[in-house]
Amino acid sequence: MEGYPERFHGGVTATILNGAMRYCLFVRRMTAVTGALTVRHPRPVSTREPVETRAWIECSAHDVHRMGSELRQGGGVVIIATATFVPGP
């Protein structure tokens, strides 16, 4: 789970944010898979402090959903992700 000592690995945080966006669709009974994912890391994420995840739908059209999410820690945003979800198989 760690990249550098006491810091979350970027792949782990990307997976968390992707999952949060997918869950946002799931609770609305929407089925889709990740078509594209972009993650920005403005600040490192400590493994020693709690984190909060938020996700939302920015827009949806023709079963394509543009999503956003963020990981917050210590009262601020530490990672931002955007994604496009497309119809699944």
PDB file of N, CA and C in Angstrom:
ATOM      1  N   MET A   1       0.814  -1.193   0.000  1.00  0.00           N
ATOM      2  CA  MET A   1       0.000   0.000   0.000  1.00  0.00           C
ATOM      3  C   MET A   1       0.861   1.260   0.000  1.00  0.00           C
ATOM      4  N   GLU A   2       2.110   1.145   0.450  1.00  0.00           N
ATOM      5  CA  GLU A   2       2.966   2.317   0.512  1.00  0.00           C
ATOM      6  C   GLU A   2       3.836   2.410  -0.734  1.00  0.00           C
ATOM      7  N   GLY A   3       4.060   3.661  -1.171  1.00  0.00           N
ATOM      8  CA  GLY A   3       5.060   3.934  -2.182  1.00  0.00           C
ATOM      9  C   GLY A   3       6.322   4.294  -1.419  1.00  0.00           C
ATOM     10  N   TYR A   4       6.462   5.548  -1.087  1.00  0.00           N
ATOM     11  CA  TYR A   4       7.526   5.989  -0.187  1.00  0.00           C
ATOM     12  C   TYR A   4       7.060   5.736   1.240  1.00  0.00           C
ATOM     13  N   PRO A   5       7.974   5.722   2.206  1.00  0.00           N
ATOM     14  CA  PRO A   5       7.568   5.463   3.591  1.00  0.00           C
ATOM     15  C   PRO A   5       6.446   6.412   4.054  1.00  0.00           C
ATOM     16  N   GLU A   6       5.421   5.814   4.632  1.00  0.00           N
ATOM     17  CA  GLU A   6       4.267   6.533   5.188  1.00  0.00           C
ATOM     18  C   GLU A   6       3.480   7.328   4.149  1.00  0.00           C
ATOM     19  N   ARG A   7       3.572   6.943   2.870  1.00  0.00           N
ATOM     20  CA  ARG A   7       2.816   7.575   1.790  1.00  0.00           C
ATOM     21  C   ARG A   7       2.106   6.489   0.990  1.00  0.00           C
ATOM     22  N   PHE A   8       0.825   6.735   0.670  1.00  0.00           N
ATOM     23  CA  PHE A   8       0.087   5.785  -0.155  1.00  0.00           C
ATOM     24  C   PHE A   8       0.694   5.715  -1.550  1.00  0.00           C
ATOM     25  N   HIS A   9       0.727   4.533  -2.115  1.00  0.00           N
ATOM     26  CA  HIS A   9       1.157   4.332  -3.489  1.00  0.00           C
ATOM     27  C   HIS A   9       0.094   4.923  -4.420  1.00  0.00           C
ATOM     28  N   GLY A  10       0.511   5.579  -5.482  1.00  0.00           N
ATOM     29  CA  GLY A  10      -0.421   6.218  -6.415  1.00  0.00           C
ATOM     30  C   GLY A  10      -1.398   5.257  -7.059  1.00  0.00           C
ATOM     31  N   GLY A  11      -0.967   4.021  -7.304  1.00  0.00           N
ATOM     32  CA  GLY A  11      -1.873   3.032  -7.884  1.00  0.00           C
ATOM     33  C   GLY A  11      -3.004   2.663  -6.941  1.00  0.00           C
ATOM     34  N   VAL A  12      -2.715   2.648  -5.658  1.00  0.00           N
ATOM     35  CA  VAL A  12      -3.738   2.345  -4.656  1.00  0.00           C
ATOM     36  C   VAL A  12      -4.765   3.470  -4.606  1.00  0.00           C
ATOM     37  N   THR A  13      -4.298   4.705  -4.575  1.00  0.00           N
ATOM     38  CA  THR A  13      -5.234   5.832  -4.496  1.00  0.00           C
ATOM     39  C   THR A  13      -6.051   5.957  -5.782  1.00  0.00           C
ATOM     40  N   ALA A  14      -5.456   5.656  -6.930  1.00  0.00           N
ATOM     41  CA  ALA A  14      -6.207   5.675  -8.187  1.00  0.00           C
ATOM     42  C   ALA A  14      -7.317   4.627  -8.166  1.00  0.00           C
ATOM     43  N   THR A  15      -7.011   3.451  -7.624  1.00  0.00           N
ATOM     44  CA  THR A  15      -8.007   2.387  -7.519  1.00  0.00           C
ATOM     45  C   THR A  15      -9.150   2.787  -6.593  1.00  0.00           C
ATOM     46  N   ILE A  16      -8.819   3.430  -5.480  1.00  0.00           N
ATOM     47  CA  ILE A  16      -9.852   3.891  -4.541  1.00  0.00           C
ATOM     48  C   ILE A  16     -10.786   4.885  -5.219  1.00  0.00           C
ATOM     49  N   LEU A  17     -10.225   5.864  -5.930  1.00  0.00           N
ATOM     50  CA  LEU A  17     -11.055   6.879  -6.572  1.00  0.00           C
ATOM     51  C   LEU A  17     -11.874   6.293  -7.723  1.00  0.00           C
ATOM     52  N   ASN A  18     -11.290   5.388  -8.500  1.00  0.00           N
ATOM     53  CA  ASN A  18     -12.033   4.721  -9.562  1.00  0.00           C
ATOM     54  C   ASN A  18     -13.206   3.942  -8.969  1.00  0.00           C
ATOM     55  N   GLY A  19     -12.960   3.243  -7.874  1.00  0.00           N
ATOM     56  CA  GLY A  19     -14.023   2.497  -7.210  1.00  0.00           C
ATOM     57  C   GLY A  19     -15.127   3.389  -6.671  1.00  0.00           C
ATOM     58  N   ALA A  20     -14.761   4.546  -6.145  1.00  0.00           N
ATOM     59  CA  ALA A  20     -15.765   5.489  -5.631  1.00  0.00           C
ATOM     60  C   ALA A  20     -16.670   5.994  -6.754  1.00  0.00           C
ATOM     61  N   MET A  21     -16.073   6.275  -7.913  1.00  0.00           N
ATOM     62  CA  MET A  21     -16.888   6.733  -9.048  1.00  0.00           C
ATOM     63  C   MET A  21     -17.794   5.613  -9.546  1.00  0.00           C
ATOM     64  N   ARG A  22     -17.267   4.400  -9.589  1.00  0.00           N
ATOM     65  CA  ARG A  22     -18.080   3.255 -10.018  1.00  0.00           C
ATOM     66  C   ARG A  22     -19.238   3.026  -9.047  1.00  0.00           C
ATOM     67  N   TYR A  23     -18.971   3.153  -7.759  1.00  0.00           N
ATOM     68  CA  TYR A  23     -20.020   2.987  -6.757  1.00  0.00           C
ATOM     69  C   TYR A  23     -21.094   4.071  -6.910  1.00  0.00           C
ATOM     70  N   CYS A  24     -20.683   5.279  -7.246  1.00  0.00           N
ATOM     71  CA  CYS A  24     -21.630   6.372  -7.478  1.00  0.00           C
ATOM     72  C   CYS A  24     -22.635   5.985  -8.572  1.00  0.00           C
ATOM     73  N   LEU A  25     -22.160   5.324  -9.610  1.00  0.00           N
ATOM     74  CA  LEU A  25     -23.059   4.833 -10.660  1.00  0.00           C
ATOM     75  C   LEU A  25     -23.892   3.657 -10.166  1.00  0.00           C
ATOM     76  N   PHE A  26     -23.263   2.747  -9.440  1.00  0.00           N
ATOM     77  CA  PHE A  26     -23.930   1.546  -8.946  1.00  0.00           C
ATOM     78  C   PHE A  26     -25.160   1.880  -8.104  1.00  0.00           C
ATOM     79  N   VAL A  27     -25.051   2.830  -7.193  1.00  0.00           N
ATOM     80  CA  VAL A  27     -26.187   3.161  -6.320  1.00  0.00           C
ATOM     81  C   VAL A  27     -27.323   3.808  -7.101  1.00  0.00           C
ATOM     82  N   ARG A  28     -27.042   4.269  -8.308  1.00  0.00           N
ATOM     83  CA  ARG A  28     -28.078   4.825  -9.182  1.00  0.00           C
ATOM     84  C   ARG A  28     -28.548   3.797 -10.217  1.00  0.00           C
ATOM     85  N   ARG A  29     -28.113   2.539 -10.020  1.00  0.00           N
ATOM     86  CA  ARG A  29     -28.476   1.424 -10.900  1.00  0.00           C
ATOM     87  C   ARG A  29     -28.020   1.654 -12.342  1.00  0.00           C
ATOM     88  N   MET A  30     -26.870   2.285 -12.501  1.00  0.00           N
ATOM     89  CA  MET A  30     -26.272   2.509 -13.818  1.00  0.00           C
ATOM     90  C   MET A  30     -25.118   1.527 -13.994  1.00  0.00           C
ATOM     91  N   THR A  31     -25.057   0.879 -15.139  1.00  0.00           N
ATOM     92  CA  THR A  31     -24.000  -0.086 -15.414  1.00  0.00           C
ATOM     93  C   THR A  31     -23.024   0.512 -16.414  1.00  0.00           C
ATOM     94  N   ALA A  32     -21.747   0.527 -16.059  1.00  0.00           N
ATOM     95  CA  ALA A  32     -20.711   1.059 -16.951  1.00  0.00           C
ATOM     96  C   ALA A  32     -19.346   0.595 -16.462  1.00  0.00           C
ATOM     97  N   VAL A  33     -18.365   0.689 -17.345  1.00  0.00           N
ATOM     98  CA  VAL A  33     -16.982   0.353 -17.010  1.00  0.00           C
ATOM     99  C   VAL A  33     -16.099   1.560 -17.315  1.00  0.00           C
ATOM    100  N   THR A  34     -14.940   1.593 -16.712  1.00  0.00           N
ATOM    101  CA  THR A  34     -14.022   2.709 -16.906  1.00  0.00           C
ATOM    102  C   THR A  34     -13.468   2.692 -18.326  1.00  0.00           C
ATOM    103  N   GLY A  35     -13.680   3.794 -19.045  1.00  0.00           N
ATOM    104  CA  GLY A  35     -13.132   3.926 -20.394  1.00  0.00           C
ATOM    105  C   GLY A  35     -11.839   4.720 -20.391  1.00  0.00           C
ATOM    106  N   ALA A  36     -11.747   5.703 -19.494  1.00  0.00           N
ATOM    107  CA  ALA A  36     -10.537   6.532 -19.358  1.00  0.00           C
ATOM    108  C   ALA A  36     -10.488   7.052 -17.931  1.00  0.00           C
ATOM    109  N   LEU A  37      -9.288   7.162 -17.391  1.00  0.00           N
ATOM    110  CA  LEU A  37      -9.098   7.636 -16.014  1.00  0.00           C
ATOM    111  C   LEU A  37      -7.876   8.546 -15.968  1.00  0.00           C
ATOM    112  N   THR A  38      -8.052   9.729 -15.405  1.00  0.00           N
ATOM    113  CA  THR A  38      -6.947  10.670 -15.212  1.00  0.00           C
ATOM    114  C   THR A  38      -6.868  11.003 -13.733  1.00  0.00           C
ATOM    115  N   VAL A  39      -5.667  10.908 -13.169  1.00  0.00           N
ATOM    116  CA  VAL A  39      -5.469  11.167 -11.738  1.00  0.00           C
ATOM    117  C   VAL A  39      -4.374  12.207 -11.572  1.00  0.00           C
ATOM    118  N   ARG A  40      -4.651  13.225 -10.757  1.00  0.00           N
ATOM    119  CA  ARG A  40      -3.651  14.249 -10.428  1.00  0.00           C
ATOM    120  C   ARG A  40      -3.362  14.174  -8.937  1.00  0.00           C
ATOM    121  N   HIS A  41      -2.099  14.306  -8.581  1.00  0.00           N
ATOM    122  CA  HIS A  41      -1.655  14.193  -7.193  1.00  0.00           C
ATOM    123  C   HIS A  41      -1.048  15.514  -6.728  1.00  0.00           C
ATOM    124  N   PRO A  42      -1.868  16.504  -6.349  1.00  0.00           N
ATOM    125  CA  PRO A  42      -1.297  17.776  -5.904  1.00  0.00           C
ATOM    126  C   PRO A  42      -0.500  17.685  -4.604  1.00  0.00           C
ATOM    127  N   ARG A  43      -0.842  16.714  -3.757  1.00  0.00           N
ATOM    128  CA  ARG A  43      -0.154  16.539  -2.471  1.00  0.00           C
ATOM    129  C   ARG A  43       0.015  15.057  -2.179  1.00  0.00           C
ATOM    130  N   PRO A  44       1.040  14.685  -1.436  1.00  0.00           N
ATOM    131  CA  PRO A  44       1.179  13.282  -1.029  1.00  0.00           C
ATOM    132  C   PRO A  44       0.099  12.901  -0.012  1.00  0.00           C
ATOM    133  N   VAL A  45      -0.216  11.615   0.057  1.00  0.00           N
ATOM    134  CA  VAL A  45      -1.244  11.115   0.966  1.00  0.00           C
ATOM    135  C   VAL A  45      -0.569  10.282   2.049  1.00  0.00           C
ATOM    136  N   SER A  46      -0.723  10.701   3.286  1.00  0.00           N
ATOM    137  CA  SER A  46      -0.127  10.001   4.421  1.00  0.00           C
ATOM    138  C   SER A  46      -0.903   8.728   4.737  1.00  0.00           C
ATOM    139  N   THR A  47      -0.178   7.666   5.075  1.00  0.00           N
ATOM    140  CA  THR A  47      -0.829   6.428   5.519  1.00  0.00           C
ATOM    141  C   THR A  47      -1.195   6.496   6.995  1.00  0.00           C
ATOM    142  N   ARG A  48      -0.833   7.572   7.668  1.00  0.00           N
ATOM    143  CA  ARG A  48      -1.065   7.704   9.109  1.00  0.00           C
ATOM    144  C   ARG A  48      -2.281   8.541   9.475  1.00  0.00           C
ATOM    145  N   GLU A  49      -2.977   9.082   8.477  1.00  0.00           N
ATOM    146  CA  GLU A  49      -4.155   9.911   8.740  1.00  0.00           C
ATOM    147  C   GLU A  49      -5.355   9.361   7.974  1.00  0.00           C
ATOM    148  N   PRO A  50      -6.563   9.539   8.519  1.00  0.00           N
ATOM    149  CA  PRO A  50      -7.759   9.095   7.796  1.00  0.00           C
ATOM    150  C   PRO A  50      -7.939   9.887   6.498  1.00  0.00           C
ATOM    151  N   VAL A  51      -8.588   9.255   5.526  1.00  0.00           N
ATOM    152  CA  VAL A  51      -8.911   9.914   4.266  1.00  0.00           C
ATOM    153  C   VAL A  51     -10.419   9.867   4.050  1.00  0.00           C
ATOM    154  N   GLU A  52     -10.902  10.777   3.235  1.00  0.00           N
ATOM    155  CA  GLU A  52     -12.314  10.829   2.855  1.00  0.00           C
ATOM    156  C   GLU A  52     -12.366  10.857   1.334  1.00  0.00           C
ATOM    157  N   THR A  53     -13.286  10.089   0.774  1.00  0.00           N
ATOM    158  CA  THR A  53     -13.431  10.023  -0.681  1.00  0.00           C
ATOM    159  C   THR A  53     -14.790  10.574  -1.076  1.00  0.00           C
ATOM    160  N   ARG A  54     -14.807  11.366  -2.130  1.00  0.00           N
ATOM    161  CA  ARG A  54     -16.060  11.891  -2.689  1.00  0.00           C
ATOM    162  C   ARG A  54     -16.074  11.601  -4.177  1.00  0.00           C
ATOM    163  N   ALA A  55     -17.263  11.310  -4.710  1.00  0.00           N
ATOM    164  CA  ALA A  55     -17.405  11.059  -6.145  1.00  0.00           C
ATOM    165  C   ALA A  55     -18.740  11.617  -6.614  1.00  0.00           C
ATOM    166  N   TRP A  56     -18.792  12.011  -7.882  1.00  0.00           N
ATOM    167  CA  TRP A  56     -20.007  12.610  -8.419  1.00  0.00           C
ATOM    168  C   TRP A  56     -20.054  12.408  -9.931  1.00  0.00           C
ATOM    169  N   ILE A  57     -21.264  12.532 -10.479  1.00  0.00           N
ATOM    170  CA  ILE A  57     -21.468  12.483 -11.920  1.00  0.00           C
ATOM    171  C   ILE A  57     -21.464  13.925 -12.423  1.00  0.00           C
ATOM    172  N   GLU A  58     -20.573  14.219 -13.355  1.00  0.00           N
ATOM    173  CA  GLU A  58     -20.539  15.564 -13.934  1.00  0.00           C
ATOM    174  C   GLU A  58     -21.578  15.694 -15.040  1.00  0.00           C
ATOM    175  N   CYS A  59     -21.691  14.673 -15.893  1.00  0.00           N
ATOM    176  CA  CYS A  59     -22.734  14.657 -16.922  1.00  0.00           C
ATOM    177  C   CYS A  59     -22.878  13.243 -17.479  1.00  0.00           C
ATOM    178  N   SER A  60     -24.054  12.966 -18.025  1.00  0.00           N
ATOM    179  CA  SER A  60     -24.330  11.668 -18.635  1.00  0.00           C
ATOM    180  C   SER A  60     -25.089  11.885 -19.930  1.00  0.00           C
ATOM    181  N   ALA A  61     -24.713  11.150 -20.966  1.00  0.00           N
ATOM    182  CA  ALA A  61     -25.435  11.209 -22.242  1.00  0.00           C
ATOM    183  C   ALA A  61     -25.182   9.903 -22.989  1.00  0.00           C
ATOM    184  N   HIS A  62     -26.251   9.284 -23.478  1.00  0.00           N
ATOM    185  CA  HIS A  62     -26.144   8.076 -24.291  1.00  0.00           C
ATOM    186  C   HIS A  62     -25.325   6.985 -23.597  1.00  0.00           C
ATOM    187  N   ASP A  63     -25.569   6.765 -22.321  1.00  0.00           N
ATOM    188  CA  ASP A  63     -24.889   5.737 -21.518  1.00  0.00           C
ATOM    189  C   ASP A  63     -23.393   5.986 -21.334  1.00  0.00           C
ATOM    190  N   VAL A  64     -22.931   7.195 -21.586  1.00  0.00           N
ATOM    191  CA  VAL A  64     -21.551   7.593 -21.310  1.00  0.00           C
ATOM    192  C   VAL A  64     -21.604   8.600 -20.165  1.00  0.00           C
ATOM    193  N   HIS A  65     -20.801   8.361 -19.136  1.00  0.00           N
ATOM    194  CA  HIS A  65     -20.860   9.173 -17.928  1.00  0.00           C
ATOM    195  C   HIS A  65     -19.495   9.805 -17.667  1.00  0.00           C
ATOM    196  N   ARG A  66     -19.476  11.107 -17.517  1.00  0.00           N
ATOM    197  CA  ARG A  66     -18.255  11.826 -17.150  1.00  0.00           C
ATOM    198  C   ARG A  66     -18.309  12.017 -15.638  1.00  0.00           C
ATOM    199  N   MET A  67     -17.280  11.528 -14.937  1.00  0.00           N
ATOM    200  CA  MET A  67     -17.283  11.490 -13.478  1.00  0.00           C
ATOM    201  C   MET A  67     -16.132  12.302 -12.898  1.00  0.00           C
ATOM    202  N   GLY A  68     -16.279  12.665 -11.640  1.00  0.00           N
ATOM    203  CA  GLY A  68     -15.208  13.310 -10.898  1.00  0.00           C
ATOM    204  C   GLY A  68     -15.127  12.700  -9.512  1.00  0.00           C
ATOM    205  N   SER A  69     -13.943  12.769  -8.919  1.00  0.00           N
ATOM    206  CA  SER A  69     -13.775  12.289  -7.549  1.00  0.00           C
ATOM    207  C   SER A  69     -12.551  12.954  -6.930  1.00  0.00           C
ATOM    208  N   GLU A  70     -12.517  12.897  -5.610  1.00  0.00           N
ATOM    209  CA  GLU A  70     -11.371  13.470  -4.899  1.00  0.00           C
ATOM    210  C   GLU A  70     -11.128  12.690  -3.621  1.00  0.00           C
ATOM    211  N   LEU A  71      -9.882  12.698  -3.223  1.00  0.00           N
ATOM    212  CA  LEU A  71      -9.469  12.130  -1.948  1.00  0.00           C
ATOM    213  C   LEU A  71      -9.058  13.301  -1.082  1.00  0.00           C
ATOM    214  N   ARG A  72      -9.633  13.374   0.128  1.00  0.00           N
ATOM    215  CA  ARG A  72      -9.361  14.483   1.029  1.00  0.00           C
ATOM    216  C   ARG A  72      -8.658  13.965   2.279  1.00  0.00           C
ATOM    217  N   GLN A  73      -7.763  14.786   2.798  1.00  0.00           N
ATOM    218  CA  GLN A  73      -7.051  14.430   4.022  1.00  0.00           C
ATOM    219  C   GLN A  73      -6.637  15.725   4.712  1.00  0.00           C
ATOM    220  N   GLY A  74      -6.818  15.768   6.028  1.00  0.00           N
ATOM    221  CA  GLY A  74      -6.422  16.956   6.779  1.00  0.00           C
ATOM    222  C   GLY A  74      -7.179  18.204   6.360  1.00  0.00           C
ATOM    223  N   GLY A  75      -8.422  18.050   5.899  1.00  0.00           N
ATOM    224  CA  GLY A  75      -9.243  19.188   5.518  1.00  0.00           C
ATOM    225  C   GLY A  75      -9.021  19.698   4.109  1.00  0.00           C
ATOM    226  N   GLY A  76      -8.140  19.055   3.337  1.00  0.00           N
ATOM    227  CA  GLY A  76      -7.880  19.524   1.977  1.00  0.00           C
ATOM    228  C   GLY A  76      -7.882  18.393   0.968  1.00  0.00           C
ATOM    229  N   VAL A  77      -7.970  18.774  -0.292  1.00  0.00           N
ATOM    230  CA  VAL A  77      -7.936  17.800  -1.382  1.00  0.00           C
ATOM    231  C   VAL A  77      -6.491  17.403  -1.646  1.00  0.00           C
ATOM    232  N   VAL A  78      -6.232  16.102  -1.646  1.00  0.00           N
ATOM    233  CA  VAL A  78      -4.873  15.615  -1.895  1.00  0.00           C
ATOM    234  C   VAL A  78      -4.748  14.903  -3.248  1.00  0.00           C
ATOM    235  N   ILE A  79      -5.846  14.370  -3.775  1.00  0.00           N
ATOM    236  CA  ILE A  79      -5.830  13.732  -5.092  1.00  0.00           C
ATOM    237  C   ILE A  79      -7.154  14.012  -5.793  1.00  0.00           C
ATOM    238  N   ILE A  80      -7.077  14.275  -7.089  1.00  0.00           N
ATOM    239  CA  ILE A  80      -8.259  14.564  -7.918  1.00  0.00           C
ATOM    240  C   ILE A  80      -8.252  13.595  -9.082  1.00  0.00           C
ATOM    241  N   ALA A  81      -9.411  13.023  -9.385  1.00  0.00           N
ATOM    242  CA  ALA A  81      -9.526  12.113 -10.529  1.00  0.00           C
ATOM    243  C   ALA A  81     -10.752  12.467 -11.355  1.00  0.00           C
ATOM    244  N   THR A  82     -10.633  12.275 -12.661  1.00  0.00           N
ATOM    245  CA  THR A  82     -11.758  12.367 -13.568  1.00  0.00           C
ATOM    246  C   THR A  82     -11.776  11.086 -14.399  1.00  0.00           C
ATOM    247  N   ALA A  83     -12.949  10.713 -14.847  1.00  0.00           N
ATOM    248  CA  ALA A  83     -13.047   9.479 -15.627  1.00  0.00           C
ATOM    249  C   ALA A  83     -14.244   9.551 -16.564  1.00  0.00           C
ATOM    250  N   THR A  84     -14.164   8.766 -17.614  1.00  0.00           N
ATOM    251  CA  THR A  84     -15.288   8.537 -18.506  1.00  0.00           C
ATOM    252  C   THR A  84     -15.657   7.074 -18.373  1.00  0.00           C
ATOM    253  N   PHE A  85     -16.922   6.830 -18.059  1.00  0.00           N
ATOM    254  CA  PHE A  85     -17.439   5.467 -17.958  1.00  0.00           C
ATOM    255  C   PHE A  85     -18.324   5.203 -19.163  1.00  0.00           C
ATOM    256  N   VAL A  86     -18.159   4.032 -19.748  1.00  0.00           N
ATOM    257  CA  VAL A  86     -18.849   3.657 -20.975  1.00  0.00           C
ATOM    258  C   VAL A  86     -19.630   2.362 -20.743  1.00  0.00           C
ATOM    259  N   PRO A  87     -20.560   2.034 -21.640  1.00  0.00           N
ATOM    260  CA  PRO A  87     -21.318   0.779 -21.464  1.00  0.00           C
ATOM    261  C   PRO A  87     -20.390  -0.420 -21.365  1.00  0.00           C
ATOM    262  N   GLY A  88     -20.717  -1.332 -20.476  1.00  0.00           N
ATOM    263  CA  GLY A  88     -19.917  -2.531 -20.283  1.00  0.00           C
ATOM    264  C   GLY A  88     -20.251  -3.624 -21.293  1.00  0.00           C
ATOM    265  N   PRO A  89     -19.527  -4.723 -21.195  1.00  0.00           N
ATOM    266  CA  PRO A  89     -19.750  -5.847 -22.124  1.00  0.00           C
ATOM    267  C   PRO A  89     -21.100  -6.494 -21.922  1.00  0.00           C
TER     268      PRO A  89
END
